[in-house]
Amino acid sequence: MDVQKILKHLSKDQIEIIQKLYFMGATQAEVSKDLNLPLGTVKSRARAAIKVLRKFYNPLLSFVIMIRTII
């Protein structure tokens, strides 16, 4: 399954948070401030998105997390 098909299972809010956290390297606190959301909301949306991503393509998520730790 390709990334675009997987992303269709996420809300726009979840996609935005995942992009900022894992592709742009922002912290949860930075995302919270940037999006004017409570930190708990950012954490819960990220956790829910990761749960969906794991369900569809665990190797992709592992790769993203590995890249995030290198950057």
N, C-alpha and C. Protein backbone atom coordinates (compact mmCIF):
# COMPACT_ATOMS: atom_id res chain seq x y z
N MET A 1 0.86 -1.18 0.00
CA MET A 1 0.00 0.00 0.00
C MET A 1 0.90 1.24 0.00
N ASP A 2 0.59 2.19 -0.85
CA ASP A 2 1.44 3.37 -0.92
C ASP A 2 1.02 4.42 0.12
N VAL A 3 1.89 5.38 0.33
CA VAL A 3 1.70 6.38 1.36
C VAL A 3 0.42 7.19 1.15
N GLN A 4 0.12 7.57 -0.08
CA GLN A 4 -1.08 8.37 -0.35
C GLN A 4 -2.35 7.64 0.08
N LYS A 5 -2.41 6.34 -0.16
CA LYS A 5 -3.59 5.57 0.24
C LYS A 5 -3.70 5.49 1.76
N ILE A 6 -2.55 5.35 2.42
CA ILE A 6 -2.55 5.29 3.88
C ILE A 6 -3.01 6.62 4.46
N LEU A 7 -2.51 7.71 3.90
CA LEU A 7 -2.84 9.04 4.44
C LEU A 7 -4.33 9.36 4.32
N LYS A 8 -5.02 8.72 3.40
CA LYS A 8 -6.47 8.94 3.28
C LYS A 8 -7.23 8.48 4.52
N HIS A 9 -6.58 7.66 5.35
CA HIS A 9 -7.20 7.17 6.57
C HIS A 9 -6.98 8.11 7.75
N LEU A 10 -6.23 9.18 7.54
CA LEU A 10 -5.96 10.15 8.59
C LEU A 10 -6.76 11.43 8.33
N SER A 11 -7.09 12.12 9.40
CA SER A 11 -7.76 13.43 9.24
C SER A 11 -6.71 14.46 8.81
N LYS A 12 -7.18 15.58 8.31
CA LYS A 12 -6.26 16.66 7.91
C LYS A 12 -5.46 17.14 9.12
N ASP A 13 -6.09 17.19 10.27
CA ASP A 13 -5.40 17.61 11.49
C ASP A 13 -4.28 16.63 11.85
N GLN A 14 -4.57 15.35 11.75
CA GLN A 14 -3.55 14.34 12.05
C GLN A 14 -2.38 14.41 11.07
N ILE A 15 -2.67 14.58 9.79
CA ILE A 15 -1.62 14.69 8.78
C ILE A 15 -0.72 15.88 9.08
N GLU A 16 -1.34 17.01 9.38
CA GLU A 16 -0.56 18.21 9.67
C GLU A 16 0.37 18.00 10.86
N ILE A 17 -0.13 17.37 11.90
CA ILE A 17 0.69 17.12 13.09
C ILE A 17 1.81 16.14 12.79
N ILE A 18 1.52 15.07 12.08
CA ILE A 18 2.56 14.08 11.73
C ILE A 18 3.63 14.72 10.86
N GLN A 19 3.22 15.55 9.90
CA GLN A 19 4.20 16.22 9.05
C GLN A 19 5.13 17.10 9.88
N LYS A 20 4.56 17.86 10.79
CA LYS A 20 5.38 18.76 11.60
C LYS A 20 6.30 17.99 12.55
N LEU A 21 5.79 16.91 13.15
CA LEU A 21 6.58 16.15 14.11
C LEU A 21 7.67 15.32 13.45
N TYR A 22 7.32 14.58 12.43
CA TYR A 22 8.23 13.58 11.89
C TYR A 22 8.96 13.98 10.62
N PHE A 23 8.44 14.94 9.91
CA PHE A 23 9.13 15.33 8.67
C PHE A 23 9.79 16.70 8.80
N MET A 24 9.26 17.54 9.69
CA MET A 24 9.85 18.86 9.88
C MET A 24 10.68 18.93 11.16
N GLY A 25 10.57 17.89 12.00
CA GLY A 25 11.39 17.80 13.20
C GLY A 25 10.95 18.67 14.36
N ALA A 26 9.72 19.13 14.35
CA ALA A 26 9.22 19.97 15.46
C ALA A 26 8.93 19.10 16.68
N THR A 27 9.01 19.70 17.84
CA THR A 27 8.62 19.01 19.07
C THR A 27 7.11 19.13 19.23
N GLN A 28 6.56 18.33 20.12
CA GLN A 28 5.12 18.42 20.37
C GLN A 28 4.76 19.78 20.93
N ALA A 29 5.60 20.33 21.78
CA ALA A 29 5.35 21.67 22.33
C ALA A 29 5.35 22.73 21.23
N GLU A 30 6.28 22.62 20.28
CA GLU A 30 6.34 23.57 19.17
C GLU A 30 5.09 23.47 18.29
N VAL A 31 4.66 22.24 18.03
CA VAL A 31 3.44 22.04 17.22
C VAL A 31 2.24 22.62 17.96
N SER A 32 2.18 22.39 19.25
CA SER A 32 1.09 22.92 20.06
C SER A 32 1.02 24.44 19.95
N LYS A 33 2.15 25.09 20.08
CA LYS A 33 2.20 26.55 19.99
C LYS A 33 1.87 27.02 18.57
N ASP A 34 2.47 26.35 17.56
CA ASP A 34 2.28 26.74 16.17
C ASP A 34 0.82 26.63 15.73
N LEU A 35 0.14 25.59 16.17
CA LEU A 35 -1.25 25.35 15.77
C LEU A 35 -2.27 25.90 16.77
N ASN A 36 -1.75 26.50 17.85
CA ASN A 36 -2.62 27.06 18.89
C ASN A 36 -3.57 25.99 19.45
N LEU A 37 -2.98 24.84 19.76
CA LEU A 37 -3.74 23.72 20.32
C LEU A 37 -3.13 23.35 21.67
N PRO A 38 -3.95 22.81 22.57
CA PRO A 38 -3.38 22.30 23.82
C PRO A 38 -2.40 21.16 23.52
N LEU A 39 -1.36 21.06 24.34
CA LEU A 39 -0.36 20.02 24.15
C LEU A 39 -1.00 18.63 24.16
N GLY A 40 -1.96 18.41 25.03
CA GLY A 40 -2.64 17.12 25.10
C GLY A 40 -3.35 16.76 23.81
N THR A 41 -3.89 17.77 23.13
CA THR A 41 -4.56 17.53 21.84
C THR A 41 -3.55 17.10 20.79
N VAL A 42 -2.41 17.75 20.75
CA VAL A 42 -1.35 17.38 19.81
C VAL A 42 -0.90 15.94 20.08
N LYS A 43 -0.70 15.62 21.34
CA LYS A 43 -0.26 14.27 21.70
C LYS A 43 -1.29 13.22 21.32
N SER A 44 -2.56 13.48 21.61
CA SER A 44 -3.59 12.48 21.31
C SER A 44 -3.79 12.31 19.81
N ARG A 45 -3.73 13.40 19.04
CA ARG A 45 -3.87 13.29 17.59
C ARG A 45 -2.68 12.56 16.98
N ALA A 46 -1.49 12.84 17.48
CA ALA A 46 -0.31 12.14 16.98
C ALA A 46 -0.39 10.65 17.30
N ARG A 47 -0.78 10.34 18.52
CA ARG A 47 -0.90 8.93 18.93
C ARG A 47 -1.95 8.20 18.09
N ALA A 48 -3.07 8.85 17.84
CA ALA A 48 -4.12 8.22 17.03
C ALA A 48 -3.64 8.02 15.59
N ALA A 49 -2.93 9.00 15.05
CA ALA A 49 -2.40 8.87 13.68
C ALA A 49 -1.39 7.75 13.59
N ILE A 50 -0.51 7.66 14.56
CA ILE A 50 0.49 6.59 14.56
C ILE A 50 -0.17 5.22 14.65
N LYS A 51 -1.22 5.13 15.42
CA LYS A 51 -1.96 3.86 15.52
C LYS A 51 -2.49 3.44 14.15
N VAL A 52 -3.04 4.39 13.40
CA VAL A 52 -3.55 4.11 12.06
C VAL A 52 -2.39 3.72 11.14
N LEU A 53 -1.31 4.47 11.19
CA LEU A 53 -0.16 4.17 10.33
C LEU A 53 0.41 2.78 10.60
N ARG A 54 0.50 2.43 11.87
CA ARG A 54 1.00 1.09 12.23
C ARG A 54 0.09 0.00 11.66
N LYS A 55 -1.19 0.24 11.72
CA LYS A 55 -2.16 -0.74 11.23
C LYS A 55 -1.95 -1.03 9.75
N PHE A 56 -1.66 0.01 8.97
CA PHE A 56 -1.55 -0.15 7.53
C PHE A 56 -0.14 -0.47 7.04
N TYR A 57 0.86 0.10 7.69
CA TYR A 57 2.19 -0.10 7.14
C TYR A 57 3.26 0.14 8.18
N ASN A 58 3.44 -0.81 9.04
CA ASN A 58 4.41 -0.69 10.13
C ASN A 58 5.83 -0.42 9.65
N PRO A 59 6.33 -1.05 8.58
CA PRO A 59 7.70 -0.75 8.14
C PRO A 59 7.90 0.72 7.76
N LEU A 60 6.89 1.35 7.18
CA LEU A 60 6.99 2.76 6.82
C LEU A 60 7.15 3.61 8.07
N LEU A 61 6.36 3.35 9.08
CA LEU A 61 6.45 4.12 10.32
C LEU A 61 7.80 3.92 10.98
N SER A 62 8.29 2.70 10.99
CA SER A 62 9.61 2.43 11.57
C SER A 62 10.68 3.25 10.85
N PHE A 63 10.57 3.35 9.53
CA PHE A 63 11.52 4.13 8.75
C PHE A 63 11.43 5.61 9.12
N VAL A 64 10.23 6.14 9.22
CA VAL A 64 10.05 7.55 9.56
C VAL A 64 10.63 7.84 10.93
N ILE A 65 10.38 6.98 11.89
CA ILE A 65 10.90 7.18 13.25
C ILE A 65 12.42 7.09 13.24
N MET A 66 12.98 6.17 12.46
CA MET A 66 14.43 6.04 12.37
C MET A 66 15.03 7.32 11.79
N ILE A 67 14.44 7.84 10.72
CA ILE A 67 14.93 9.07 10.09
C ILE A 67 14.84 10.23 11.08
N ARG A 68 13.76 10.29 11.81
CA ARG A 68 13.55 11.39 12.80
C ARG A 68 14.64 11.38 13.84
N THR A 69 15.09 10.20 14.27
CA THR A 69 16.11 10.13 15.31
C THR A 69 17.49 10.50 14.75
N ILE A 70 17.69 10.31 13.46
CA ILE A 70 18.98 10.64 12.84
C ILE A 70 19.11 12.15 12.63
N ILE A 71 18.01 12.79 12.25
CA ILE A 71 18.04 14.22 11.92
C ILE A 71 18.24 15.08 13.12
